[in-house]
Amino acid sequence: MTSPGPLFEWADSQAKGCATGPFGRSKLKPTVLEATIAGLIWKHQGRENPIPIARIRAIAGVDERAIKGVVADLIDGHKMRIGARREDPVGYFIMRDGEDVQAGTGAYRA
């Protein structure tokens, strides 16, 4: 399998014993909205257990565009391993292994 790239270095983080919690790999201080959305997504580990954007919107009280922007910031700035599914079940999830990376990065590549 080829490396998924620097944004999704799940294997490296697993080997080094990545710190726990959504911001274990981040050097930045999260905003309240980032912490809220990251906490929701963090509870959904693996491609078979995503959280739909509609659920995040209902809890966080922000629109879909804002959620997508925060998720992009969580991936780029905070180095979270967030994947997305566009087929059932749809939503965001934390990538745990290589199969999650394959399933979760397709939406970003498309």
C-alpha atoms as a PDB file:
ATOM      1  CA  MET A   1       0.000   0.000   0.000  1.00  0.00           C
ATOM      2  CA  THR A   2       1.274   3.475  -0.796  1.00  0.00           C
ATOM      3  CA  SER A   3       1.584   6.155   1.854  1.00  0.00           C
ATOM      4  CA  PRO A   4      -1.574   8.273   2.167  1.00  0.00           C
ATOM      5  CA  GLY A   5       0.554  11.425   2.488  1.00  0.00           C
ATOM      6  CA  PRO A   6       1.521  13.762   5.290  1.00  0.00           C
ATOM      7  CA  LEU A   7      -2.047  14.769   6.088  1.00  0.00           C
ATOM      8  CA  PHE A   8      -3.064  11.210   6.920  1.00  0.00           C
ATOM      9  CA  GLU A   9       0.001   9.683   8.524  1.00  0.00           C
ATOM     10  CA  TRP A  10      -2.017   7.282  10.642  1.00  0.00           C
ATOM     11  CA  ALA A  11       0.585   4.520  10.557  1.00  0.00           C
ATOM     12  CA  ASP A  12       3.330   6.812  11.800  1.00  0.00           C
ATOM     13  CA  SER A  13       1.183   8.138  14.624  1.00  0.00           C
ATOM     14  CA  GLN A  14       0.170   4.607  15.617  1.00  0.00           C
ATOM     15  CA  ALA A  15       3.786   3.480  15.718  1.00  0.00           C
ATOM     16  CA  LYS A  16       4.828   6.452  17.851  1.00  0.00           C
ATOM     17  CA  GLY A  17       1.925   6.102  20.261  1.00  0.00           C
ATOM     18  CA  CYS A  18      -0.090   9.156  19.260  1.00  0.00           C
ATOM     19  CA  ALA A  19      -1.388  11.199  22.175  1.00  0.00           C
ATOM     20  CA  THR A  20      -5.009  10.582  23.017  1.00  0.00           C
ATOM     21  CA  GLY A  21      -7.852  12.974  22.369  1.00  0.00           C
ATOM     22  CA  PRO A  22      -8.766  14.984  19.312  1.00  0.00           C
ATOM     23  CA  PHE A  23      -5.982  17.534  19.784  1.00  0.00           C
ATOM     24  CA  GLY A  24      -3.195  15.141  20.777  1.00  0.00           C
ATOM     25  CA  ARG A  25      -1.228  15.901  17.598  1.00  0.00           C
ATOM     26  CA  SER A  26      -1.947  19.646  17.505  1.00  0.00           C
ATOM     27  CA  LYS A  27       0.330  22.476  18.539  1.00  0.00           C
ATOM     28  CA  LEU A  28      -2.456  25.042  18.141  1.00  0.00           C
ATOM     29  CA  LYS A  29      -5.105  26.112  20.626  1.00  0.00           C
ATOM     30  CA  PRO A  30      -8.559  25.169  19.283  1.00  0.00           C
ATOM     31  CA  THR A  31     -11.464  27.577  19.154  1.00  0.00           C
ATOM     32  CA  VAL A  32     -14.661  26.679  21.007  1.00  0.00           C
ATOM     33  CA  LEU A  33     -16.322  25.672  17.720  1.00  0.00           C
ATOM     34  CA  GLU A  34     -13.309  23.546  16.704  1.00  0.00           C
ATOM     35  CA  ALA A  35     -13.344  21.827  20.091  1.00  0.00           C
ATOM     36  CA  THR A  36     -17.084  21.162  19.847  1.00  0.00           C
ATOM     37  CA  ILE A  37     -16.943  19.698  16.340  1.00  0.00           C
ATOM     38  CA  ALA A  38     -13.740  17.762  17.029  1.00  0.00           C
ATOM     39  CA  GLY A  39     -15.303  16.246  20.135  1.00  0.00           C
ATOM     40  CA  LEU A  40     -18.341  15.104  18.167  1.00  0.00           C
ATOM     41  CA  ILE A  41     -16.258  13.550  15.404  1.00  0.00           C
ATOM     42  CA  TRP A  42     -13.796  11.991  17.901  1.00  0.00           C
ATOM     43  CA  LYS A  43     -16.632   9.844  19.299  1.00  0.00           C
ATOM     44  CA  HIS A  44     -17.090   8.323  15.828  1.00  0.00           C
ATOM     45  CA  GLN A  45     -14.084   6.076  15.313  1.00  0.00           C
ATOM     46  CA  GLY A  46     -13.889   4.108  12.062  1.00  0.00           C
ATOM     47  CA  ARG A  47     -15.532   4.249   8.668  1.00  0.00           C
ATOM     48  CA  GLU A  48     -18.490   2.156   9.799  1.00  0.00           C
ATOM     49  CA  ASN A  49     -19.456   4.735  12.451  1.00  0.00           C
ATOM     50  CA  PRO A  50     -19.539   8.242  10.878  1.00  0.00           C
ATOM     51  CA  ILE A  51     -21.460  11.217  12.241  1.00  0.00           C
ATOM     52  CA  PRO A  52     -23.643  12.968   9.656  1.00  0.00           C
ATOM     53  CA  ILE A  53     -23.223  16.701   9.030  1.00  0.00           C
ATOM     54  CA  ALA A  54     -26.910  17.169   9.901  1.00  0.00           C
ATOM     55  CA  ARG A  55     -26.234  15.814  13.413  1.00  0.00           C
ATOM     56  CA  ILE A  56     -23.206  18.094  13.851  1.00  0.00           C
ATOM     57  CA  ARG A  57     -25.282  21.043  12.599  1.00  0.00           C
ATOM     58  CA  ALA A  58     -28.068  20.297  15.084  1.00  0.00           C
ATOM     59  CA  ILE A  59     -25.655  20.096  18.028  1.00  0.00           C
ATOM     60  CA  ALA A  60     -23.181  22.853  17.096  1.00  0.00           C
ATOM     61  CA  GLY A  61     -25.778  25.262  15.720  1.00  0.00           C
ATOM     62  CA  VAL A  62     -23.827  26.252  12.608  1.00  0.00           C
ATOM     63  CA  ASP A  63     -24.470  25.727   8.906  1.00  0.00           C
ATOM     64  CA  GLU A  64     -22.959  23.059   6.663  1.00  0.00           C
ATOM     65  CA  ARG A  65     -20.428  25.434   5.089  1.00  0.00           C
ATOM     66  CA  ALA A  66     -19.071  26.412   8.523  1.00  0.00           C
ATOM     67  CA  ILE A  67     -18.790  22.744   9.529  1.00  0.00           C
ATOM     68  CA  LYS A  68     -16.850  21.892   6.379  1.00  0.00           C
ATOM     69  CA  GLY A  69     -14.521  24.840   7.012  1.00  0.00           C
ATOM     70  CA  VAL A  70     -13.886  23.778  10.603  1.00  0.00           C
ATOM     71  CA  VAL A  71     -13.245  20.184   9.529  1.00  0.00           C
ATOM     72  CA  ALA A  72     -10.694  21.430   6.977  1.00  0.00           C
ATOM     73  CA  ASP A  73      -9.006  23.425   9.755  1.00  0.00           C
ATOM     74  CA  LEU A  74      -9.029  20.391  12.047  1.00  0.00           C
ATOM     75  CA  ILE A  75      -7.309  18.308   9.364  1.00  0.00           C
ATOM     76  CA  ASP A  76      -4.814  20.926   8.182  1.00  0.00           C
ATOM     77  CA  GLY A  77      -4.086  22.900  11.327  1.00  0.00           C
ATOM     78  CA  HIS A  78      -4.669  20.375  14.098  1.00  0.00           C
ATOM     79  CA  LYS A  79      -3.530  17.255  12.194  1.00  0.00           C
ATOM     80  CA  MET A  80      -6.662  15.270  13.021  1.00  0.00           C
ATOM     81  CA  ARG A  81      -7.151  12.105  10.977  1.00  0.00           C
ATOM     82  CA  ILE A  82     -10.719  12.832   9.850  1.00  0.00           C
ATOM     83  CA  GLY A  83     -12.222  10.879   7.003  1.00  0.00           C
ATOM     84  CA  ALA A  84     -15.486  11.472   5.168  1.00  0.00           C
ATOM     85  CA  ARG A  85     -17.990   9.116   3.582  1.00  0.00           C
ATOM     86  CA  ARG A  86     -20.381  10.126   0.839  1.00  0.00           C
ATOM     87  CA  GLU A  87     -22.130   6.759   0.628  1.00  0.00           C
ATOM     88  CA  ASP A  88     -24.208   5.141   3.373  1.00  0.00           C
ATOM     89  CA  PRO A  89     -23.451   5.527   6.148  1.00  0.00           C
ATOM     90  CA  VAL A  90     -22.502   9.147   5.394  1.00  0.00           C
ATOM     91  CA  GLY A  91     -20.561  11.571   7.557  1.00  0.00           C
ATOM     92  CA  TYR A  92     -17.218  12.282   9.203  1.00  0.00           C
ATOM     93  CA  PHE A  93     -15.183   9.808  11.248  1.00  0.00           C
ATOM     94  CA  ILE A  94     -11.750   9.306  12.786  1.00  0.00           C
ATOM     95  CA  MET A  95      -9.544   7.089  10.631  1.00  0.00           C
ATOM     96  CA  ARG A  96      -8.039   4.185  12.604  1.00  0.00           C
ATOM     97  CA  ASP A  97      -6.359   2.017   9.970  1.00  0.00           C
ATOM     98  CA  GLY A  98      -5.440   1.716   6.308  1.00  0.00           C
ATOM     99  CA  GLU A  99      -8.912   0.666   5.241  1.00  0.00           C
ATOM    100  CA  ASP A 100     -10.351   3.743   6.956  1.00  0.00           C
ATOM    101  CA  VAL A 101      -7.804   5.902   5.106  1.00  0.00           C
ATOM    102  CA  GLN A 102      -8.840   4.401   1.759  1.00  0.00           C
ATOM    103  CA  ALA A 103     -12.545   4.880   2.529  1.00  0.00           C
ATOM    104  CA  GLY A 104     -12.152   8.280   4.172  1.00  0.00           C
ATOM    105  CA  THR A 105      -9.903  10.122   1.753  1.00  0.00           C
ATOM    106  CA  GLY A 106     -11.862   9.364  -1.420  1.00  0.00           C
ATOM    107  CA  ALA A 107     -14.257  12.247  -0.699  1.00  0.00           C
ATOM    108  CA  TYR A 108     -11.315  14.653  -0.386  1.00  0.00           C
ATOM    109  CA  ARG A 109      -9.651  13.416  -3.593  1.00  0.00           C
ATOM    110  CA  ALA A 110     -12.862  13.696  -5.662  1.00  0.00           C
END
